[in-house]
Protein backbone atom coordinates (compact mmCIF):
# COMPACT_ATOMS: atom_id res chain seq x y z
CA MET A 1 0.00 0.00 0.00
CA ALA A 2 1.15 3.56 -0.52
CA LYS A 3 2.87 5.53 2.19
CA GLU A 4 1.02 8.44 3.75
CA PRO A 5 3.06 11.27 2.17
CA SER A 6 2.18 10.01 -1.34
CA LEU A 7 -1.49 9.73 -0.48
CA SER A 8 -1.54 13.24 0.99
CA LEU A 9 -0.42 14.57 -2.39
CA ILE A 10 -3.52 13.01 -3.94
CA GLU A 11 -5.68 14.27 -1.08
CA ARG A 12 -4.48 17.83 -1.62
CA ALA A 13 -5.18 17.61 -5.36
CA ALA A 14 -8.61 16.12 -4.67
CA GLY A 15 -9.45 18.82 -2.14
CA ARG A 16 -8.42 21.57 -4.53
CA LEU A 17 -10.74 20.30 -7.26
CA ASP A 18 -13.51 19.12 -4.91
CA LEU A 19 -13.52 15.56 -6.27
CA ARG A 20 -13.78 13.64 -2.98
CA ALA A 21 -17.43 12.74 -3.62
CA LEU A 22 -16.39 10.48 -6.48
CA THR A 23 -15.04 7.81 -4.12
CA ALA A 24 -16.72 5.12 -2.11
CA GLY A 25 -15.61 4.68 1.48
CA PRO A 26 -13.39 6.86 3.70
CA ALA A 27 -10.19 6.66 1.65
CA PRO A 28 -9.51 9.25 -1.07
CA PHE A 29 -10.08 7.75 -4.49
CA ALA A 30 -8.97 4.18 -5.21
CA PRO A 31 -7.42 2.84 -2.03
CA ALA A 32 -4.49 0.91 -3.13
CA ILE A 33 -2.65 0.64 -5.89
CA ALA A 34 -0.75 -1.33 -8.34
CA LYS A 35 2.29 -3.50 -7.86
CA SER A 36 5.70 -2.07 -8.60
CA ALA A 37 6.62 -2.46 -12.24
CA PHE A 38 10.22 -3.17 -11.21
CA GLU A 39 9.56 -6.86 -10.46
CA GLN A 40 9.62 -9.57 -13.12
CA THR A 41 6.64 -11.91 -12.81
CA SER A 42 5.39 -14.85 -14.80
CA PHE A 43 2.20 -14.73 -16.82
CA ALA A 44 -0.48 -17.34 -17.21
CA GLU A 45 -3.89 -16.89 -18.75
CA PRO A 46 -6.85 -17.28 -16.38
CA ALA A 47 -8.85 -20.46 -16.47
CA GLY A 48 -12.31 -20.44 -18.01
CA SER A 49 -14.27 -21.50 -21.05
CA ARG A 50 -13.84 -19.39 -24.16
CA ILE A 51 -16.80 -17.20 -25.03
CA HIS A 52 -17.39 -14.60 -27.70
CA GLY A 53 -15.80 -11.50 -26.20
CA GLY A 54 -15.39 -7.91 -27.27
CA VAL A 55 -17.38 -8.21 -30.49
CA PRO A 56 -21.06 -7.36 -30.89
CA SER A 57 -23.21 -10.46 -31.17
CA ASP A 58 -25.61 -10.98 -34.07
CA GLY A 59 -27.64 -7.86 -34.56
CA GLU A 60 -25.56 -5.76 -32.13
CA GLY A 61 -23.54 -2.74 -33.12
CA SER A 62 -24.54 -2.87 -36.78
CA SER A 63 -27.08 -0.06 -36.83
CA ALA A 64 -25.87 3.16 -38.39
CA THR A 65 -26.28 6.71 -37.21
CA PRO A 66 -29.12 8.48 -39.09
CA GLY A 67 -27.78 9.67 -42.41
CA GLN A 68 -24.78 7.33 -42.20
CA ALA A 69 -24.30 4.23 -44.34
CA PRO A 70 -24.59 0.92 -42.47
CA ARG A 71 -21.36 -0.77 -41.51
CA ARG A 72 -20.09 -3.48 -43.82
CA PRO A 73 -19.94 -7.01 -42.35
CA GLY A 74 -16.69 -8.18 -40.82
CA LYS A 75 -15.40 -10.88 -38.55
CA PRO A 76 -12.85 -10.79 -35.71
CA ILE A 77 -9.28 -12.03 -35.99
CA SER A 78 -7.58 -14.27 -33.44
CA ALA A 79 -4.37 -13.07 -31.79
CA SER A 80 -1.96 -14.24 -29.12
CA PHE A 81 0.11 -12.29 -26.62
CA ASN A 82 3.88 -12.03 -26.85
CA ARG A 83 4.85 -13.63 -23.52
CA PRO A 84 8.44 -12.23 -23.40
CA ARG A 85 7.07 -8.71 -23.90
CA LEU A 86 4.51 -9.26 -21.13
CA LEU A 87 7.30 -10.36 -18.83
CA LYS A 88 9.27 -7.22 -19.70
CA LEU A 89 6.25 -5.15 -18.66
CA ALA A 90 6.25 -7.05 -15.34
CA LEU A 91 2.65 -8.15 -15.63
CA VAL A 92 1.05 -9.45 -12.43
CA ASP A 93 1.19 -13.24 -12.08
CA TRP A 94 -2.53 -13.99 -12.14
CA ALA A 95 -1.88 -17.72 -11.74
CA ALA A 96 -0.30 -17.22 -8.32
CA GLY A 97 -3.58 -16.82 -6.44
CA ARG A 98 -4.24 -14.08 -3.91
CA THR A 99 -1.02 -12.12 -4.21
CA ARG A 100 -0.88 -8.56 -2.94
CA ALA A 101 -0.66 -7.17 -6.47
CA ALA A 102 -3.62 -9.22 -7.70
CA GLU A 103 -5.75 -8.17 -4.72
CA GLU A 104 -4.92 -4.49 -5.22
CA PHE A 105 -6.05 -4.68 -8.85
CA ARG A 106 -9.19 -6.48 -7.74
CA ILE A 107 -9.99 -3.59 -5.39
CA ILE A 108 -9.62 -1.12 -8.26
CA LYS A 109 -11.63 -3.36 -10.58
CA ARG A 110 -14.53 -3.69 -8.14
CA GLN A 111 -14.93 0.08 -7.92
CA LEU A 112 -14.91 0.46 -11.71
CA LEU A 113 -17.36 -2.41 -12.27
CA GLU A 114 -19.71 -1.11 -9.58
CA GLN A 115 -20.00 2.19 -11.43
CA ALA A 116 -20.22 0.48 -14.83
CA ALA A 117 -23.15 -1.59 -13.56
CA ASN A 118 -25.08 1.55 -12.52
CA PRO A 119 -25.59 3.68 -15.66
CA GLU A 120 -28.59 5.39 -14.05
CA ARG A 121 -26.35 6.79 -11.31
CA CYS A 122 -23.01 7.06 -13.14
CA GLY A 123 -24.09 7.93 -16.67
CA PRO A 124 -24.95 6.01 -19.86
CA ARG A 125 -21.28 5.44 -20.80
CA SER A 126 -20.09 4.25 -17.39
CA ASN A 127 -18.70 1.10 -19.05
CA LEU A 128 -16.39 3.26 -21.18
CA ILE A 129 -13.21 3.81 -19.13
CA MET A 130 -10.08 5.78 -20.08
CA ILE A 131 -6.71 5.05 -18.45
CA THR A 132 -4.14 7.83 -18.63
CA SER A 133 -1.32 9.45 -16.64
CA ALA A 134 0.25 12.87 -16.31
CA ARG A 135 3.58 11.93 -17.91
CA PRO A 136 5.04 8.95 -19.81
CA ARG A 137 6.38 5.82 -18.10
CA GLU A 138 4.20 6.12 -15.00
CA GLY A 139 2.62 2.69 -15.52
CA ARG A 140 -0.39 3.48 -17.67
CA THR A 141 -0.21 0.47 -20.03
CA PHE A 142 0.89 -1.78 -17.14
CA THR A 143 -2.29 -0.76 -15.31
CA ALA A 144 -4.49 -1.11 -18.39
CA LEU A 145 -3.29 -4.63 -19.18
CA ASN A 146 -3.65 -5.86 -15.61
CA LEU A 147 -7.11 -4.36 -15.22
CA ALA A 148 -8.19 -5.87 -18.55
CA ILE A 149 -7.06 -9.35 -17.52
CA SER A 150 -8.61 -8.99 -14.08
CA ILE A 151 -11.96 -7.94 -15.55
CA ALA A 152 -11.80 -10.80 -18.08
CA MET A 153 -11.63 -13.23 -15.18
CA GLU A 154 -15.18 -12.18 -14.24
CA ARG A 155 -17.68 -14.66 -15.72
CA ASN A 156 -20.32 -12.00 -16.30
CA TRP A 157 -18.14 -9.36 -17.96
CA GLN A 158 -16.28 -9.02 -21.24
CA VAL A 159 -13.56 -6.46 -21.86
CA LEU A 160 -12.31 -4.71 -24.98
CA LEU A 161 -8.92 -3.00 -24.53
CA VAL A 162 -8.40 -0.16 -27.01
CA ASP A 163 -4.83 0.96 -27.69
CA ALA A 164 -4.88 4.71 -28.32
CA CYS A 165 -1.14 5.24 -27.69
CA ASP A 166 2.08 5.61 -29.62
CA GLY A 167 5.49 4.55 -28.41
CA GLU A 168 7.43 1.50 -27.28
CA ASN A 169 5.51 0.04 -24.33
CA THR A 170 2.01 -0.04 -25.77
CA VAL A 171 -0.68 -2.71 -25.96
CA ALA A 172 0.23 -3.22 -29.63
CA SER A 173 3.78 -4.14 -28.60
CA VAL A 174 2.63 -7.25 -26.69
CA VAL A 175 0.53 -8.72 -29.51
CA GLN A 176 2.05 -11.12 -32.03
CA THR A 177 -0.63 -10.70 -34.72
CA ALA A 178 -0.70 -7.49 -36.72
CA PRO A 179 -4.37 -6.67 -37.48
CA PRO A 180 -5.31 -5.44 -40.94
CA LEU A 181 -7.64 -2.84 -39.43
CA GLY A 182 -7.93 -0.83 -36.21
CA TRP A 183 -9.95 1.94 -34.62
CA LEU A 184 -8.34 4.59 -36.85
CA ASP A 185 -9.68 2.73 -39.88
CA LEU A 186 -13.16 2.57 -38.32
CA VAL A 187 -13.06 6.30 -37.69
CA GLU A 188 -11.90 7.09 -41.23
CA ASP A 189 -14.48 4.75 -42.79
CA PRO A 190 -17.69 4.54 -40.71
CA THR A 191 -19.10 1.81 -42.98
CA LEU A 192 -16.52 -0.74 -41.78
CA GLU A 193 -17.88 -3.29 -39.34
CA ILE A 194 -16.49 -3.04 -35.80
CA ALA A 195 -15.72 -6.77 -35.72
CA SER A 196 -13.20 -6.37 -38.54
CA ALA A 197 -10.96 -4.29 -36.23
CA VAL A 198 -11.24 -6.54 -33.16
CA LEU A 199 -8.59 -9.05 -32.10
CA GLU A 200 -9.88 -11.96 -30.04
CA THR A 201 -7.03 -12.96 -27.74
CA ASP A 202 -6.04 -16.27 -26.18
CA ILE A 203 -7.43 -15.00 -22.87
CA PRO A 204 -11.17 -15.75 -22.61
CA ARG A 205 -13.45 -12.71 -22.64
CA LEU A 206 -10.58 -10.32 -23.49
CA SER A 207 -10.39 -8.64 -26.92
CA LEU A 208 -8.17 -5.89 -28.30
CA MET A 209 -8.56 -3.02 -30.72
CA LEU A 210 -5.28 -1.53 -31.98
CA PRO A 211 -4.74 1.71 -33.94
CA GLY A 212 -4.57 -0.05 -37.33
CA ARG A 213 -3.01 1.00 -40.61
CA ARG A 214 -3.64 4.74 -40.56
CA GLN A 215 -0.82 5.73 -38.20
CA GLY A 216 -0.05 9.43 -37.80
CA ARG A 217 -3.67 10.62 -37.81
CA SER A 218 -4.60 9.77 -34.26
CA ALA A 219 -4.73 13.33 -32.86
CA GLU A 220 -7.35 14.58 -35.30
CA SER A 221 -9.18 11.25 -35.34
CA LEU A 222 -9.60 11.10 -31.56
CA ALA A 223 -11.21 14.52 -31.59
CA SER A 224 -13.55 13.73 -34.48
CA GLY A 225 -17.28 13.15 -34.39
CA ASN A 226 -16.76 9.72 -35.93
CA MET A 227 -14.59 8.69 -32.96
CA GLN A 228 -17.24 9.83 -30.52
CA ARG A 229 -19.89 7.88 -32.43
CA LEU A 230 -17.65 4.78 -32.48
CA LEU A 231 -17.11 4.93 -28.72
CA GLU A 232 -20.81 5.47 -28.10
CA GLU A 233 -21.56 2.48 -30.32
CA LEU A 234 -19.06 0.30 -28.47
CA SER A 235 -20.46 1.41 -25.13
CA GLY A 236 -24.12 0.99 -25.99
CA CYS A 237 -24.27 -2.28 -27.90
CA ASN A 238 -23.35 -4.50 -24.92
CA ARG A 239 -23.70 -3.29 -21.33
CA ASN A 240 -21.81 -6.35 -20.08
CA ARG A 241 -18.67 -5.29 -21.93
CA ILE A 242 -16.12 -2.90 -20.43
CA ILE A 243 -14.20 -0.78 -22.94
CA LEU A 244 -10.81 0.21 -21.53
CA ILE A 245 -8.96 2.91 -23.48
CA ASP A 246 -5.20 3.04 -22.95
CA ALA A 247 -4.74 6.75 -23.69
CA PRO A 248 -1.53 8.83 -23.95
CA PRO A 249 -0.28 10.98 -21.05
CA CYS A 250 -2.59 13.95 -20.61
CA LEU A 251 0.19 16.53 -20.08
CA ASP A 252 1.94 15.47 -23.29
CA THR A 253 -1.01 15.28 -25.70
CA SER A 254 -4.49 16.74 -26.02
CA ASP A 255 -6.07 13.30 -26.61
CA PRO A 256 -7.12 12.47 -23.01
CA ALA A 257 -8.77 15.87 -22.51
CA THR A 258 -10.78 15.22 -25.67
CA LEU A 259 -11.72 11.68 -24.63
CA ALA A 260 -12.67 12.84 -21.11
CA ARG A 261 -15.77 14.45 -22.61
CA VAL A 262 -16.92 11.10 -24.01
CA VAL A 263 -15.93 8.41 -21.50
CA GLY A 264 -17.92 7.59 -18.37
CA GLN A 265 -14.92 6.95 -16.09
CA THR A 266 -11.25 7.97 -16.03
CA VAL A 267 -8.36 6.28 -14.23
CA LEU A 268 -5.38 8.59 -13.67
CA VAL A 269 -2.18 6.63 -12.93
CA VAL A 270 0.21 8.44 -10.58
CA GLU A 271 3.80 7.24 -10.11
CA ALA A 272 4.69 7.14 -6.42
CA HIS A 273 7.67 9.28 -5.32
CA THR A 274 7.99 10.75 -8.82
CA THR A 275 4.84 12.54 -10.01
CA GLN A 276 4.75 16.04 -8.56
CA GLN A 277 1.70 17.60 -6.92
CA GLN A 278 1.38 20.26 -9.61
CA GLY A 279 1.42 17.53 -12.26
CA VAL A 280 -1.48 15.71 -10.59
CA GLU A 281 -3.44 18.95 -10.22
CA ALA A 282 -2.82 19.97 -13.85
CA ALA A 283 -3.88 16.54 -15.07
CA LEU A 284 -7.09 16.63 -13.04
CA GLU A 285 -7.93 20.04 -14.44
CA LEU A 286 -7.54 18.77 -18.00
CA LEU A 287 -9.72 15.73 -17.26
CA CYS A 288 -12.41 17.49 -15.26
CA SER A 289 -15.06 17.10 -18.00
CA CYS A 290 -15.26 13.43 -16.93
CA VAL A 291 -17.35 13.34 -13.75
CA ASN A 292 -16.03 9.97 -12.48
CA ILE A 293 -12.27 10.07 -11.87
CA CYS A 294 -10.16 7.77 -9.71
CA LEU A 295 -6.43 7.90 -9.02
CA VAL A 296 -4.17 4.84 -9.01
CA LEU A 297 -0.86 5.10 -7.18
CA ASN A 298 1.66 2.94 -9.04
CA LYS A 299 5.19 1.76 -8.14
CA SER A 300 4.62 2.21 -4.42
CA ARG A 301 7.42 0.92 -2.17
CA GLY A 302 5.17 0.61 0.87
CA ASN A 303 5.65 -2.24 3.32
């Protein structure tokens, strides 16, 4: 768990922006937070029968916005994770049972799922969750991958992890299959079927959506009306699916501030002992258009 001085930084930022009401329980924001990314751990996929995850079922997600051509049929592609790359990212060992790291991610997951299951209280897109950080290398993709796997272990939930980042340690870097299409292609061509840009992974109930072939256009595409319609379509066609968006750092790009107006929840990853108070406060100001924000303290060296 995090040491008190690190938590007080978050408390001060929360008090300044009056965001305490977003949390459940006495602790400020998410109580605990992810395992240090310094440790190398093994990876094993969770047990469970394979079901159709991440992709709209028959009749779902195929309706077009008024005045827009219907999406063309498509089918998902199977993909597998690059295990050496996952090890390099120090993914939590989910096969090891009730480890401290696994339990901390479960605590975070429970809060997110509780809000996602209550759209009347938390908004119609409460199952649409963005994960970002103030600066690079604070553990954003590490957190996104672990949360995605943890949610996929729930029998009643599916998860679609959307890679909206550029750089070395991204979701795309841990996948062995290069998809022909991605979310950028769906945004550029609204008639493409969503399923054609979805990768079904070797982890049951976990699917991926990568940027695709149209690299270099992500900034304008994320801010476009077509991107908002795509996210709304993903959110609305299956309420038992969580859409996690691994977004770039919000102090380096304008993308998270744009997405904050669309998503129902935001997870801001804060690196313990490194992220400065002013960085947390500036990030929260940029993300304030999202009404449900939680902070995750990563790389804590607490006892």
